Amino acid sequence: MSQTPDFSHLPAPTAGLAAALARPKAIAVGCVVVLAGLGWLTLAWLVAGMGGTGSGLTGMLPMSLQALCQPSFGKAGPGAVVGLMWAAMTLAMMLPTAGPMILTYAEIAETAARKGERIVSPLVLAAGYGLIWAGFAAAASIAQIALTRLALLDHTMASASGLFSGAIFLGAGVYQFTPLKHACLTQCQRPFPFFFAHWQATPKGVFRIGLQQGLYCLGCCWAMMLVMFAVGTMNVVWMAGLGIVMAIEKIGSGRTFSHVVGTGLVLGGIAFLFTAFAAHWPGAPV
């Protein structure tokens, strides 16, 4: 049975800090909960300041739900807040899916700490992981501004083209079946062998491990994140749904679940394309 390290010989403030750092699992849980919560609170604040302008099926929903599904920026466009929005979205959607990976590291580190070995806080690991997704958020922000100027996104930050939506859904669906998707997903589902083979006891080394795990996560989830361009990049309902799907994938659901999700996305893409082409058929209502 492992024993808790004795820090009584240290000054009180130092002993308290040492005791906290000797429990990496608690730090990991707090990191995931606090940062993911911060992301969702930021998104809630952004949505609350926009108001909804429902149309189509969304217009039939209660006003509060319309605001969640289709917030409106009006004529001002999303440029002023798009970077903050994508940063909050990646925190809210991706950090919870990284929870198993961070907790696996923390469990290994906690065992090492009880043996008196040197460890690095899981916050350093999370920082490396987060840097990769911060880069994705920056790239997505630039893409969104460009797509808005090309009139492919409307004032609600949703796709203004059925063909564009269909292409995104089809691409994301097909990617679910690719070897690269499953290679990255395997690394996300089974982080222990990776940590065992690449264990580091320095902040620089742990930060590099976080970067590598972030790249695996990006390789696993980037296509599904792009679905937000089709459904509305501030559509909180879709955001939560996709976040749940990606979390289930990383828990270890196997290829069957990923293939079911891929099939659904492909069918959604076909439906978008069929609707877009049907609108231009001879005799179609204007």
Protein backbone atom coordinates (compact mmCIF):
# COMPACT_ATOMS: atom_id res chain seq x y z
CA MET A 1 0.00 0.00 0.00
CA SER A 2 1.45 3.37 -1.02
CA GLN A 3 2.10 6.03 1.59
CA THR A 4 1.51 9.75 1.35
CA PRO A 5 4.85 11.62 1.35
CA ASP A 6 5.71 13.44 4.58
CA PHE A 7 6.36 17.16 4.08
CA SER A 8 6.28 18.14 7.75
CA HIS A 9 9.94 19.13 7.66
CA LEU A 10 9.17 21.95 5.22
CA PRO A 11 7.81 25.43 6.05
CA ALA A 12 3.99 25.48 6.10
CA PRO A 13 3.42 27.27 2.72
CA THR A 14 5.99 25.09 0.97
CA ALA A 15 4.61 21.93 2.58
CA GLY A 16 1.10 22.79 1.38
CA LEU A 17 2.31 23.32 -2.19
CA ALA A 18 4.36 20.13 -2.12
CA ALA A 19 1.40 18.13 -0.85
CA ALA A 20 -0.78 19.51 -3.65
CA LEU A 21 1.79 18.73 -6.33
CA ALA A 22 2.13 15.20 -4.94
CA ARG A 23 -1.49 14.59 -5.99
CA PRO A 24 -1.41 15.18 -9.76
CA LYS A 25 -4.76 13.43 -10.26
CA ALA A 26 -6.57 16.11 -8.25
CA ILE A 27 -4.81 18.82 -10.26
CA ALA A 28 -5.78 17.09 -13.52
CA VAL A 29 -9.45 16.88 -12.59
CA GLY A 30 -9.48 20.52 -11.50
CA CYS A 31 -7.72 21.57 -14.70
CA VAL A 32 -10.27 19.86 -16.95
CA VAL A 33 -13.30 21.06 -14.98
CA VAL A 34 -12.18 24.68 -14.55
CA LEU A 35 -10.89 25.28 -18.08
CA ALA A 36 -13.76 23.50 -19.82
CA GLY A 37 -16.20 25.38 -17.59
CA LEU A 38 -14.48 28.63 -18.51
CA GLY A 39 -14.95 27.79 -22.18
CA TRP A 40 -18.67 27.11 -21.79
CA LEU A 41 -19.18 30.25 -19.67
CA THR A 42 -17.46 32.34 -22.34
CA LEU A 43 -19.69 30.83 -25.02
CA ALA A 44 -22.78 31.51 -22.90
CA TRP A 45 -21.70 35.13 -22.50
CA LEU A 46 -21.15 35.50 -26.24
CA VAL A 47 -24.52 33.95 -27.11
CA ALA A 48 -26.32 36.07 -24.51
CA GLY A 49 -24.95 39.21 -26.12
CA MET A 50 -26.09 38.31 -29.64
CA GLY A 51 -29.74 37.46 -29.57
CA GLY A 52 -31.29 35.00 -32.02
CA THR A 53 -32.97 35.60 -35.33
CA GLY A 54 -34.56 32.28 -36.09
CA SER A 55 -35.52 31.29 -39.58
CA GLY A 56 -36.88 28.10 -41.15
CA LEU A 57 -37.12 25.26 -38.67
CA THR A 58 -35.18 27.29 -36.14
CA GLY A 59 -37.82 29.99 -36.29
CA MET A 60 -40.36 27.53 -34.90
CA LEU A 61 -38.36 27.09 -31.69
CA PRO A 62 -38.79 29.13 -28.50
CA MET A 63 -36.75 32.35 -28.59
CA SER A 64 -34.30 31.15 -25.91
CA LEU A 65 -33.53 28.00 -27.90
CA GLN A 66 -33.28 30.00 -31.13
CA ALA A 67 -30.51 32.06 -29.54
CA LEU A 68 -28.58 28.89 -28.71
CA CYS A 69 -29.03 27.36 -32.17
CA GLN A 70 -28.75 30.45 -34.35
CA PRO A 71 -27.28 33.55 -32.66
CA SER A 72 -27.15 36.62 -34.88
CA PHE A 73 -24.37 39.13 -35.34
CA GLY A 74 -26.48 41.39 -37.48
CA LYS A 75 -24.69 43.56 -40.02
CA ALA A 76 -21.58 44.02 -37.92
CA GLY A 77 -20.26 40.54 -38.77
CA PRO A 78 -18.35 38.18 -36.48
CA GLY A 79 -14.88 39.70 -36.89
CA ALA A 80 -14.73 41.33 -33.43
CA VAL A 81 -15.34 38.15 -31.47
CA VAL A 82 -14.52 35.27 -33.81
CA GLY A 83 -11.10 34.57 -32.27
CA LEU A 84 -12.49 34.53 -28.74
CA MET A 85 -15.37 32.37 -29.92
CA TRP A 86 -13.13 29.68 -31.43
CA ALA A 87 -10.79 29.72 -28.43
CA ALA A 88 -13.75 29.21 -26.09
CA MET A 89 -15.18 26.53 -28.37
CA THR A 90 -11.99 24.48 -28.39
CA LEU A 91 -11.73 24.72 -24.60
CA ALA A 92 -15.36 23.71 -24.16
CA MET A 93 -15.37 20.86 -26.71
CA MET A 94 -11.87 19.41 -26.72
CA LEU A 95 -10.57 19.68 -23.16
CA PRO A 96 -13.23 17.31 -21.73
CA THR A 97 -12.39 14.76 -24.43
CA ALA A 98 -8.76 14.98 -23.28
CA GLY A 99 -9.78 14.16 -19.72
CA PRO A 100 -8.91 10.41 -19.93
CA MET A 101 -5.47 11.22 -21.36
CA ILE A 102 -4.70 13.83 -18.70
CA LEU A 103 -5.97 11.58 -15.90
CA THR A 104 -3.85 8.67 -17.20
CA TYR A 105 -0.77 10.87 -17.00
CA ALA A 106 -1.80 12.07 -13.54
CA GLU A 107 -2.25 8.52 -12.23
CA ILE A 108 1.23 7.54 -13.43
CA ALA A 109 2.72 10.74 -11.99
CA GLU A 110 0.93 10.23 -8.68
CA THR A 111 2.40 6.75 -8.36
CA ALA A 112 5.85 8.16 -9.12
CA ALA A 113 5.39 10.95 -6.56
CA ARG A 114 4.52 8.45 -3.83
CA LYS A 115 7.79 6.69 -4.58
CA GLY A 116 9.64 9.96 -4.16
CA GLU A 117 10.44 10.31 -7.85
CA ARG A 118 10.50 13.63 -9.64
CA ILE A 119 7.27 14.52 -11.46
CA VAL A 120 5.89 17.41 -13.50
CA SER A 121 2.42 18.86 -12.97
CA PRO A 122 -0.29 17.73 -15.45
CA LEU A 123 -0.89 21.43 -16.05
CA VAL A 124 2.27 21.39 -18.17
CA LEU A 125 0.89 18.47 -20.18
CA ALA A 126 -2.44 20.29 -20.63
CA ALA A 127 -0.57 23.43 -21.75
CA GLY A 128 1.17 21.53 -24.56
CA TYR A 129 -2.11 19.92 -25.59
CA GLY A 130 -3.92 23.26 -25.46
CA LEU A 131 -1.30 24.98 -27.61
CA ILE A 132 -2.11 22.66 -30.52
CA TRP A 133 -5.81 23.46 -30.29
CA ALA A 134 -5.05 27.16 -29.88
CA GLY A 135 -3.33 26.94 -33.25
CA PHE A 136 -6.39 25.23 -34.70
CA ALA A 137 -8.62 27.96 -33.22
CA ALA A 138 -6.48 30.64 -34.88
CA ALA A 139 -6.62 28.88 -38.25
CA ALA A 140 -10.39 28.35 -37.94
CA SER A 141 -10.87 32.03 -37.09
CA ILE A 142 -9.02 33.09 -40.23
CA ALA A 143 -11.04 30.59 -42.27
CA GLN A 144 -14.31 31.86 -40.85
CA ILE A 145 -13.52 35.48 -41.69
CA ALA A 146 -12.58 34.42 -45.23
CA LEU A 147 -15.74 32.32 -45.65
CA THR A 148 -17.89 35.20 -44.40
CA ARG A 149 -16.35 37.55 -46.95
CA LEU A 150 -17.01 34.96 -49.66
CA ALA A 151 -20.67 34.88 -48.56
CA LEU A 152 -20.45 31.17 -47.70
CA LEU A 153 -21.38 32.00 -44.09
CA ASP A 154 -24.31 34.24 -43.17
CA HIS A 155 -24.85 36.67 -40.26
CA THR A 156 -25.67 33.76 -37.93
CA MET A 157 -22.26 32.25 -38.76
CA ALA A 158 -24.00 29.25 -40.38
CA SER A 159 -23.49 28.02 -43.91
CA ALA A 160 -25.28 30.06 -46.56
CA SER A 161 -24.83 27.33 -49.18
CA GLY A 162 -26.30 23.85 -49.22
CA LEU A 163 -23.47 22.71 -51.46
CA PHE A 164 -20.91 24.01 -48.97
CA SER A 165 -22.71 22.30 -46.05
CA GLY A 166 -22.97 19.07 -48.01
CA ALA A 167 -19.28 19.10 -48.85
CA ILE A 168 -18.34 19.60 -45.18
CA PHE A 169 -20.62 16.81 -43.96
CA LEU A 170 -19.43 14.44 -46.69
CA GLY A 171 -15.77 15.20 -46.00
CA ALA A 172 -16.18 14.74 -42.25
CA GLY A 173 -18.11 11.51 -42.79
CA VAL A 174 -15.60 9.98 -45.19
CA TYR A 175 -12.72 10.91 -42.85
CA GLN A 176 -14.29 8.71 -40.15
CA PHE A 177 -13.35 5.67 -42.25
CA THR A 178 -9.73 6.62 -43.04
CA PRO A 179 -6.62 4.89 -41.59
CA LEU A 180 -5.29 8.25 -40.34
CA LYS A 181 -8.45 8.84 -38.32
CA HIS A 182 -8.21 5.45 -36.63
CA ALA A 183 -4.45 5.67 -36.07
CA CYS A 184 -4.90 8.96 -34.22
CA LEU A 185 -8.01 7.73 -32.39
CA THR A 186 -6.11 4.67 -31.14
CA GLN A 187 -3.46 6.92 -29.60
CA CYS A 188 -6.19 9.00 -27.93
CA GLN A 189 -7.98 5.92 -26.59
CA ARG A 190 -4.85 4.23 -25.27
CA PRO A 191 -2.48 6.88 -23.91
CA PHE A 192 -0.83 4.61 -21.33
CA PRO A 193 1.52 2.80 -23.78
CA PHE A 194 2.56 6.15 -25.23
CA PHE A 195 3.31 7.62 -21.78
CA PHE A 196 5.14 4.45 -20.75
CA ALA A 197 7.35 4.58 -23.85
CA HIS A 198 7.95 8.35 -23.80
CA TRP A 199 7.91 9.17 -20.07
CA GLN A 200 9.65 12.43 -19.16
CA ALA A 201 10.47 14.01 -15.81
CA THR A 202 11.24 17.55 -17.00
CA PRO A 203 8.77 20.36 -17.81
CA LYS A 204 10.15 20.61 -21.35
CA GLY A 205 9.72 16.88 -21.93
CA VAL A 206 6.18 16.77 -20.51
CA PHE A 207 5.22 19.83 -22.55
CA ARG A 208 6.47 18.04 -25.67
CA ILE A 209 4.36 14.99 -24.76
CA GLY A 210 1.37 17.33 -24.48
CA LEU A 211 2.11 18.66 -27.95
CA GLN A 212 2.26 15.14 -29.35
CA GLN A 213 -1.01 14.15 -27.70
CA GLY A 214 -2.57 17.36 -29.00
CA LEU A 215 -1.50 16.45 -32.54
CA TYR A 216 -3.07 13.00 -32.19
CA CYS A 217 -6.27 14.62 -30.94
CA LEU A 218 -6.24 17.10 -33.80
CA GLY A 219 -5.76 14.28 -36.29
CA CYS A 220 -8.71 12.50 -34.75
CA CYS A 221 -11.19 15.38 -34.46
CA TRP A 222 -10.38 18.19 -36.92
CA ALA A 223 -12.91 17.11 -39.56
CA MET A 224 -15.75 16.84 -37.07
CA MET A 225 -14.90 20.28 -35.68
CA LEU A 226 -15.30 21.71 -39.20
CA VAL A 227 -18.92 20.52 -39.17
CA MET A 228 -19.55 23.63 -37.05
CA PHE A 229 -19.10 25.71 -40.22
CA ALA A 230 -22.11 23.94 -41.73
CA VAL A 231 -24.43 24.06 -38.71
CA GLY A 232 -23.35 27.41 -37.25
CA THR A 233 -20.11 28.05 -35.40
CA MET A 234 -22.02 29.38 -32.38
CA ASN A 235 -24.71 26.69 -32.40
CA VAL A 236 -24.37 25.55 -28.79
CA VAL A 237 -26.71 22.57 -29.27
CA TRP A 238 -24.56 21.11 -32.07
CA MET A 239 -21.44 22.06 -30.12
CA ALA A 240 -22.53 20.00 -27.13
CA GLY A 241 -23.65 17.11 -29.34
CA LEU A 242 -20.38 16.90 -31.26
CA GLY A 243 -18.42 17.23 -28.01
CA ILE A 244 -20.29 14.24 -26.59
CA VAL A 245 -19.69 12.21 -29.76
CA MET A 246 -15.95 12.92 -29.70
CA ALA A 247 -15.76 12.10 -25.99
CA ILE A 248 -17.50 8.75 -26.56
CA GLU A 249 -15.04 7.95 -29.35
CA LYS A 250 -12.06 8.59 -27.08
CA ILE A 251 -13.41 6.54 -24.20
CA GLY A 252 -12.76 3.48 -26.32
CA SER A 253 -15.96 2.78 -28.22
CA GLY A 254 -14.21 0.98 -31.11
CA ARG A 255 -14.44 1.47 -34.85
CA THR A 256 -18.11 0.57 -35.07
CA PHE A 257 -19.20 3.76 -33.34
CA SER A 258 -16.90 5.90 -35.51
CA HIS A 259 -18.27 4.22 -38.64
CA VAL A 260 -21.88 4.80 -37.51
CA VAL A 261 -21.08 8.48 -36.95
CA GLY A 262 -19.35 8.62 -40.34
CA THR A 263 -22.35 7.06 -42.05
CA GLY A 264 -24.67 9.59 -40.44
CA LEU A 265 -22.47 12.47 -41.57
CA VAL A 266 -22.31 11.12 -45.13
CA LEU A 267 -26.10 10.75 -45.26
CA GLY A 268 -26.44 14.29 -43.93
CA GLY A 269 -24.11 15.53 -46.64
CA ILE A 270 -26.09 13.75 -49.33
CA ALA A 271 -29.30 15.29 -47.97
CA PHE A 272 -27.76 18.78 -48.11
CA LEU A 273 -26.56 18.25 -51.68
CA PHE A 274 -29.88 16.78 -52.83
CA THR A 275 -31.77 19.74 -51.36
CA ALA A 276 -29.38 22.23 -52.96
CA PHE A 277 -29.65 20.63 -56.41
CA ALA A 278 -33.41 20.13 -56.11
CA ALA A 279 -33.88 23.85 -55.58
CA HIS A 280 -32.47 24.45 -59.08
CA TRP A 281 -34.44 21.78 -60.91
CA PRO A 282 -36.92 22.95 -63.55
CA GLY A 283 -40.29 23.56 -61.95
CA ALA A 284 -38.86 23.84 -58.41
CA PRO A 285 -40.58 26.54 -56.33
CA VAL A 286 -38.63 29.77 -56.09
